[in-house]
Every structure is written in structure tokens, then in C-alpha cells.
N, C-alpha and C. Protein backbone atom coordinates (compact mmCIF):
# COMPACT_ATOMS: atom_id res chain seq x y z
N MET A 1 13.39 18.60 -0.47
CA MET A 1 12.25 17.71 -0.59
C MET A 1 12.35 16.64 0.50
N TRP A 2 11.27 16.42 1.21
CA TRP A 2 11.21 15.38 2.23
C TRP A 2 10.85 14.06 1.57
N ASN A 3 11.55 13.02 1.95
CA ASN A 3 11.22 11.68 1.47
C ASN A 3 10.30 11.02 2.47
N LYS A 4 9.26 10.37 1.96
CA LYS A 4 8.29 9.72 2.82
C LYS A 4 7.69 8.53 2.09
N LEU A 5 7.53 7.44 2.81
CA LEU A 5 6.85 6.26 2.26
C LEU A 5 5.43 6.26 2.79
N ASP A 6 4.46 6.42 1.88
CA ASP A 6 3.05 6.44 2.24
C ASP A 6 2.44 5.07 1.97
N ALA A 7 1.48 4.71 2.78
CA ALA A 7 0.71 3.48 2.58
C ALA A 7 -0.76 3.83 2.68
N PHE A 8 -1.52 3.36 1.71
CA PHE A 8 -2.96 3.63 1.78
C PHE A 8 -3.72 2.53 1.08
N CYS A 9 -4.95 2.41 1.52
CA CYS A 9 -5.88 1.48 0.93
C CYS A 9 -6.56 2.21 -0.22
N ASN A 10 -6.74 1.58 -1.34
CA ASN A 10 -7.35 2.22 -2.50
C ASN A 10 -8.73 2.76 -2.13
N ASP A 11 -8.97 4.04 -2.42
CA ASP A 11 -10.24 4.68 -2.08
C ASP A 11 -11.45 3.97 -2.67
N VAL A 12 -11.26 3.36 -3.83
CA VAL A 12 -12.39 2.68 -4.48
C VAL A 12 -12.93 1.58 -3.57
N PHE A 13 -12.05 0.92 -2.84
CA PHE A 13 -12.47 -0.20 -2.02
C PHE A 13 -12.59 0.14 -0.54
N CYS A 14 -12.03 1.26 -0.09
CA CYS A 14 -11.98 1.54 1.34
C CYS A 14 -12.75 2.79 1.74
N SER A 15 -13.45 3.42 0.81
CA SER A 15 -14.22 4.61 1.17
C SER A 15 -15.46 4.18 1.95
N GLU A 16 -16.18 5.16 2.49
CA GLU A 16 -17.35 4.82 3.31
C GLU A 16 -18.43 4.13 2.49
N GLU A 17 -18.52 4.44 1.20
CA GLU A 17 -19.55 3.81 0.37
C GLU A 17 -19.22 2.35 0.07
N LYS A 18 -17.95 2.06 -0.08
CA LYS A 18 -17.51 0.70 -0.39
C LYS A 18 -16.80 0.15 0.84
N LYS A 19 -17.15 -1.03 1.24
CA LYS A 19 -16.56 -1.65 2.43
C LYS A 19 -15.69 -2.83 2.02
N ILE A 20 -14.66 -3.08 2.82
CA ILE A 20 -13.86 -4.28 2.62
C ILE A 20 -14.62 -5.42 3.27
N THR A 21 -14.92 -6.44 2.48
CA THR A 21 -15.68 -7.57 3.01
C THR A 21 -14.92 -8.88 2.76
N VAL A 22 -15.29 -9.88 3.52
CA VAL A 22 -14.67 -11.20 3.43
C VAL A 22 -14.78 -11.72 1.99
N ASN A 23 -13.69 -12.28 1.50
CA ASN A 23 -13.59 -12.91 0.18
C ASN A 23 -13.71 -11.94 -1.00
N ASN A 24 -13.60 -10.64 -0.77
CA ASN A 24 -13.56 -9.64 -1.85
C ASN A 24 -12.23 -8.91 -1.78
N TYR A 25 -11.54 -8.82 -2.93
CA TYR A 25 -10.20 -8.25 -2.90
C TYR A 25 -10.23 -6.74 -2.69
N PHE A 26 -9.11 -6.25 -2.18
CA PHE A 26 -8.87 -4.81 -2.07
C PHE A 26 -7.40 -4.57 -2.36
N GLU A 27 -7.05 -3.32 -2.55
CA GLU A 27 -5.71 -2.94 -2.98
C GLU A 27 -5.05 -2.06 -1.93
N ILE A 28 -3.78 -2.34 -1.67
CA ILE A 28 -2.95 -1.46 -0.84
C ILE A 28 -1.85 -0.92 -1.73
N THR A 29 -1.63 0.39 -1.67
CA THR A 29 -0.58 1.03 -2.44
C THR A 29 0.44 1.65 -1.51
N TYR A 30 1.71 1.35 -1.75
CA TYR A 30 2.82 1.98 -1.05
C TYR A 30 3.48 2.93 -2.05
N SER A 31 3.60 4.20 -1.69
CA SER A 31 4.08 5.21 -2.62
C SER A 31 5.26 5.96 -2.01
N PHE A 32 6.33 6.14 -2.81
CA PHE A 32 7.54 6.84 -2.35
C PHE A 32 7.89 7.90 -3.38
N ASN A 33 8.31 9.08 -2.92
CA ASN A 33 8.54 10.19 -3.84
C ASN A 33 9.95 10.23 -4.43
N GLN A 34 10.51 9.08 -4.69
CA GLN A 34 11.78 8.94 -5.41
C GLN A 34 11.71 7.65 -6.22
N ARG A 35 12.65 7.49 -7.14
CA ARG A 35 12.72 6.23 -7.88
C ARG A 35 13.50 5.22 -7.05
N ILE A 36 12.89 4.10 -6.79
CA ILE A 36 13.51 3.02 -6.03
C ILE A 36 13.26 1.71 -6.77
N SER A 37 14.06 0.71 -6.46
CA SER A 37 13.93 -0.54 -7.22
C SER A 37 13.11 -1.60 -6.50
N GLU A 38 13.07 -1.57 -5.17
CA GLU A 38 12.33 -2.61 -4.48
C GLU A 38 11.82 -2.11 -3.14
N ILE A 39 10.93 -2.91 -2.57
CA ILE A 39 10.31 -2.59 -1.29
C ILE A 39 10.33 -3.84 -0.42
N ASP A 40 10.51 -3.64 0.88
CA ASP A 40 10.40 -4.74 1.84
C ASP A 40 8.99 -4.69 2.40
N LEU A 41 8.16 -5.61 1.93
CA LEU A 41 6.78 -5.66 2.41
C LEU A 41 6.71 -6.32 3.78
N PRO A 42 5.72 -5.94 4.57
CA PRO A 42 5.54 -6.62 5.85
C PRO A 42 4.97 -8.01 5.62
N GLU A 43 5.03 -8.83 6.64
CA GLU A 43 4.32 -10.10 6.62
C GLU A 43 2.84 -9.76 6.80
N PHE A 44 2.02 -10.09 5.82
CA PHE A 44 0.60 -9.81 5.96
C PHE A 44 -0.01 -10.82 6.93
N PRO A 45 -0.97 -10.38 7.76
CA PRO A 45 -1.63 -11.34 8.67
C PRO A 45 -2.17 -12.53 7.88
N GLU A 46 -2.20 -13.69 8.53
CA GLU A 46 -2.62 -14.92 7.86
C GLU A 46 -4.05 -14.88 7.34
N VAL A 47 -4.84 -13.94 7.81
CA VAL A 47 -6.23 -13.86 7.34
C VAL A 47 -6.32 -13.25 5.95
N PHE A 48 -5.19 -12.77 5.40
CA PHE A 48 -5.17 -12.18 4.06
C PHE A 48 -4.40 -13.08 3.11
N ASP A 49 -4.96 -13.30 1.93
CA ASP A 49 -4.23 -13.95 0.84
C ASP A 49 -3.74 -12.87 -0.10
N LEU A 50 -2.43 -12.87 -0.37
CA LEU A 50 -1.86 -11.96 -1.37
C LEU A 50 -2.11 -12.60 -2.72
N ILE A 51 -3.01 -12.01 -3.52
CA ILE A 51 -3.37 -12.63 -4.80
C ILE A 51 -2.57 -12.05 -5.96
N LYS A 52 -2.00 -10.85 -5.77
CA LYS A 52 -1.22 -10.24 -6.83
C LYS A 52 -0.35 -9.16 -6.23
N GLY A 53 0.90 -9.11 -6.70
CA GLY A 53 1.77 -8.03 -6.27
C GLY A 53 3.00 -8.54 -5.55
N PRO A 54 3.88 -7.62 -5.26
CA PRO A 54 3.70 -6.20 -5.52
C PRO A 54 3.96 -5.86 -6.99
N GLU A 55 3.11 -5.00 -7.54
CA GLU A 55 3.30 -4.45 -8.88
C GLU A 55 3.98 -3.10 -8.75
N LYS A 56 5.06 -2.92 -9.48
CA LYS A 56 5.81 -1.66 -9.40
C LYS A 56 5.37 -0.71 -10.51
N HIS A 57 5.16 0.55 -10.14
CA HIS A 57 4.81 1.60 -11.09
C HIS A 57 5.71 2.80 -10.82
N THR A 58 6.24 3.39 -11.90
CA THR A 58 7.05 4.60 -11.74
C THR A 58 6.46 5.71 -12.59
N ALA A 59 6.63 6.93 -12.11
CA ALA A 59 6.13 8.09 -12.84
C ALA A 59 7.09 9.25 -12.64
N CYS A 60 7.23 10.05 -13.68
CA CYS A 60 8.03 11.27 -13.62
C CYS A 60 7.24 12.37 -14.31
N GLU A 61 7.32 13.57 -13.76
CA GLU A 61 6.66 14.70 -14.41
C GLU A 61 7.39 15.98 -14.05
N VAL A 62 7.20 16.99 -14.87
CA VAL A 62 7.75 18.31 -14.60
C VAL A 62 6.58 19.26 -14.45
N THR A 63 6.48 19.89 -13.28
CA THR A 63 5.42 20.85 -13.01
C THR A 63 6.06 22.15 -12.57
N ASN A 64 5.80 23.21 -13.32
CA ASN A 64 6.39 24.53 -13.03
C ASN A 64 7.90 24.45 -12.87
N GLY A 65 8.54 23.65 -13.72
CA GLY A 65 9.99 23.53 -13.72
C GLY A 65 10.55 22.62 -12.64
N VAL A 66 9.69 21.97 -11.87
CA VAL A 66 10.13 21.07 -10.81
C VAL A 66 9.96 19.63 -11.29
N PHE A 67 11.05 18.86 -11.27
CA PHE A 67 11.04 17.47 -11.68
C PHE A 67 10.58 16.61 -10.51
N ILE A 68 9.50 15.86 -10.70
CA ILE A 68 8.92 15.04 -9.64
C ILE A 68 9.00 13.57 -10.05
N LYS A 69 9.54 12.74 -9.15
CA LYS A 69 9.63 11.30 -9.38
C LYS A 69 8.80 10.60 -8.32
N GLU A 70 8.19 9.48 -8.71
CA GLU A 70 7.43 8.70 -7.73
C GLU A 70 7.46 7.24 -8.13
N THR A 71 7.59 6.39 -7.13
CA THR A 71 7.51 4.94 -7.32
C THR A 71 6.41 4.42 -6.41
N SER A 72 5.55 3.57 -6.95
CA SER A 72 4.52 2.97 -6.12
C SER A 72 4.51 1.45 -6.34
N PHE A 73 4.09 0.76 -5.30
CA PHE A 73 3.96 -0.69 -5.33
C PHE A 73 2.55 -1.02 -4.89
N LYS A 74 1.84 -1.81 -5.70
CA LYS A 74 0.46 -2.18 -5.38
C LYS A 74 0.39 -3.66 -5.04
N CYS A 75 -0.39 -3.95 -4.00
CA CYS A 75 -0.64 -5.33 -3.58
C CYS A 75 -2.14 -5.55 -3.53
N PHE A 76 -2.59 -6.69 -4.01
CA PHE A 76 -4.00 -7.03 -3.99
C PHE A 76 -4.20 -8.18 -3.01
N LEU A 77 -5.09 -7.98 -2.06
CA LEU A 77 -5.31 -8.94 -0.98
C LEU A 77 -6.77 -9.34 -0.89
N ILE A 78 -7.00 -10.57 -0.42
CA ILE A 78 -8.36 -11.04 -0.14
C ILE A 78 -8.41 -11.44 1.33
N PRO A 79 -9.33 -10.82 2.10
CA PRO A 79 -9.48 -11.24 3.50
C PRO A 79 -10.34 -12.50 3.60
N LYS A 80 -9.93 -13.41 4.48
CA LYS A 80 -10.66 -14.66 4.67
C LYS A 80 -11.60 -14.61 5.88
N LEU A 81 -11.37 -13.65 6.78
CA LEU A 81 -12.16 -13.53 8.00
C LEU A 81 -12.55 -12.08 8.25
N ALA A 82 -13.66 -11.87 8.95
CA ALA A 82 -14.06 -10.53 9.36
C ALA A 82 -13.32 -10.15 10.64
N GLY A 83 -13.11 -8.86 10.84
CA GLY A 83 -12.45 -8.36 12.04
C GLY A 83 -11.61 -7.15 11.72
N VAL A 84 -10.91 -6.66 12.73
CA VAL A 84 -10.01 -5.51 12.57
C VAL A 84 -8.59 -6.05 12.63
N PHE A 85 -7.80 -5.74 11.58
CA PHE A 85 -6.45 -6.28 11.46
C PHE A 85 -5.47 -5.15 11.18
N VAL A 86 -4.25 -5.31 11.67
CA VAL A 86 -3.20 -4.31 11.45
C VAL A 86 -2.17 -4.89 10.49
N ILE A 87 -1.87 -4.12 9.46
CA ILE A 87 -0.79 -4.47 8.54
C ILE A 87 0.40 -3.60 8.92
N GLU A 88 1.48 -4.26 9.29
CA GLU A 88 2.67 -3.56 9.78
C GLU A 88 3.31 -2.71 8.68
N PRO A 89 4.22 -1.80 9.03
CA PRO A 89 4.84 -0.92 8.04
C PRO A 89 5.68 -1.67 7.01
N ALA A 90 5.71 -1.10 5.81
CA ALA A 90 6.64 -1.54 4.76
C ALA A 90 7.87 -0.65 4.87
N CYS A 91 8.95 -1.03 4.18
CA CYS A 91 10.19 -0.27 4.25
C CYS A 91 10.84 -0.18 2.87
N VAL A 92 11.37 1.01 2.56
CA VAL A 92 12.22 1.18 1.39
C VAL A 92 13.52 1.81 1.86
N THR A 93 14.59 1.58 1.12
CA THR A 93 15.87 2.21 1.44
C THR A 93 16.26 3.10 0.27
N PHE A 94 16.56 4.36 0.59
CA PHE A 94 16.96 5.34 -0.43
C PHE A 94 18.17 6.10 0.11
N ASP A 95 19.24 6.15 -0.67
CA ASP A 95 20.49 6.79 -0.24
C ASP A 95 20.94 6.27 1.13
N SER A 96 20.87 4.96 1.31
CA SER A 96 21.29 4.27 2.53
C SER A 96 20.44 4.60 3.76
N THR A 97 19.30 5.25 3.56
CA THR A 97 18.41 5.59 4.67
C THR A 97 17.11 4.80 4.53
N PRO A 98 16.70 4.08 5.58
CA PRO A 98 15.42 3.37 5.51
C PRO A 98 14.25 4.32 5.77
N TYR A 99 13.16 4.10 5.05
CA TYR A 99 11.93 4.86 5.24
C TYR A 99 10.80 3.86 5.45
N TYR A 100 9.99 4.12 6.47
CA TYR A 100 8.91 3.20 6.84
C TYR A 100 7.55 3.86 6.64
N SER A 101 6.60 3.08 6.19
CA SER A 101 5.22 3.56 6.12
C SER A 101 4.60 3.47 7.52
N GLU A 102 3.44 4.05 7.66
CA GLU A 102 2.66 3.88 8.88
C GLU A 102 1.95 2.52 8.80
N PRO A 103 1.64 1.90 9.93
CA PRO A 103 0.83 0.68 9.87
C PRO A 103 -0.57 1.01 9.37
N LEU A 104 -1.20 0.05 8.74
CA LEU A 104 -2.57 0.23 8.25
C LEU A 104 -3.52 -0.62 9.09
N THR A 105 -4.61 -0.02 9.53
CA THR A 105 -5.66 -0.77 10.22
C THR A 105 -6.77 -1.03 9.23
N ILE A 106 -7.08 -2.30 9.03
CA ILE A 106 -8.08 -2.71 8.05
C ILE A 106 -9.27 -3.32 8.78
N ASN A 107 -10.44 -2.77 8.54
CA ASN A 107 -11.68 -3.28 9.13
C ASN A 107 -12.40 -4.11 8.07
N VAL A 108 -12.41 -5.41 8.25
CA VAL A 108 -13.05 -6.32 7.30
C VAL A 108 -14.42 -6.70 7.84
N LEU A 109 -15.44 -6.50 7.02
CA LEU A 109 -16.82 -6.79 7.41
C LEU A 109 -17.28 -8.12 6.83
N LYS A 110 -18.27 -8.73 7.48
CA LYS A 110 -18.89 -9.94 6.93
C LYS A 110 -19.70 -9.55 5.70
N ASN A 111 -19.82 -10.46 4.77
CA ASN A 111 -20.67 -10.21 3.60
C ASN A 111 -22.12 -10.10 4.03
N GLU A 112 -22.83 -9.19 3.40
CA GLU A 112 -24.25 -8.99 3.75
C GLU A 112 -25.14 -9.83 2.88
């Protein structure tokens, strides 16, 4: 099994139908396919207020005899300005090996 730290913006808030706009919160989820205890979050750009998080969630399931573990961390942010911003990678360490997410590019629109 390959270990990978994924980062994504919640589809509810980042899909084409829903836009990230100034002063409206959105969610970023960092997901890792093992049980871990903590995450090193990046410094969020100053245009974002971290209003909640990180919230840790763990899940385990058995599918076709395969035991699957996952840990996710959710952060809720509010953008204060419109523009395109990059959120740098987060990092987790598992079995003494660091794993990094990809950076996220967030396009924040002005309120209509």
C-alpha cells in the first residue's frame, strides 16, 4: 500500500456551482491512509482566518478482507480578500517518513 497525504477543498464549497467568496467560510481536508496522531499544517496566507480546526477524524473499515485505515484533518477558513492564493503543503510523519500534500491554489471571488 502506498502512503500519500492528500489535500483538497471540500467539493460543496469549491465545485463550479459554488464559489469561494470573500467572508464566506470553506473547508480544506487533509487525508492520510494510515492512523496518525497529528499534522503539521502550513502557515495559511494572512488573507485567511482559521476559524476552526484542525479537527481530527479517523475511520477504519474492512472491504473484501482488506483492512483500511484513514485519518483526516479538517480546517475551516474565511478569506478576507479576493484573489488567487496558494496554500503550501501540509506534512505528516509515519514510520519516521515525512509525507507532504500538494500545494492548494485557492481562487477567492468578490461577493456578488
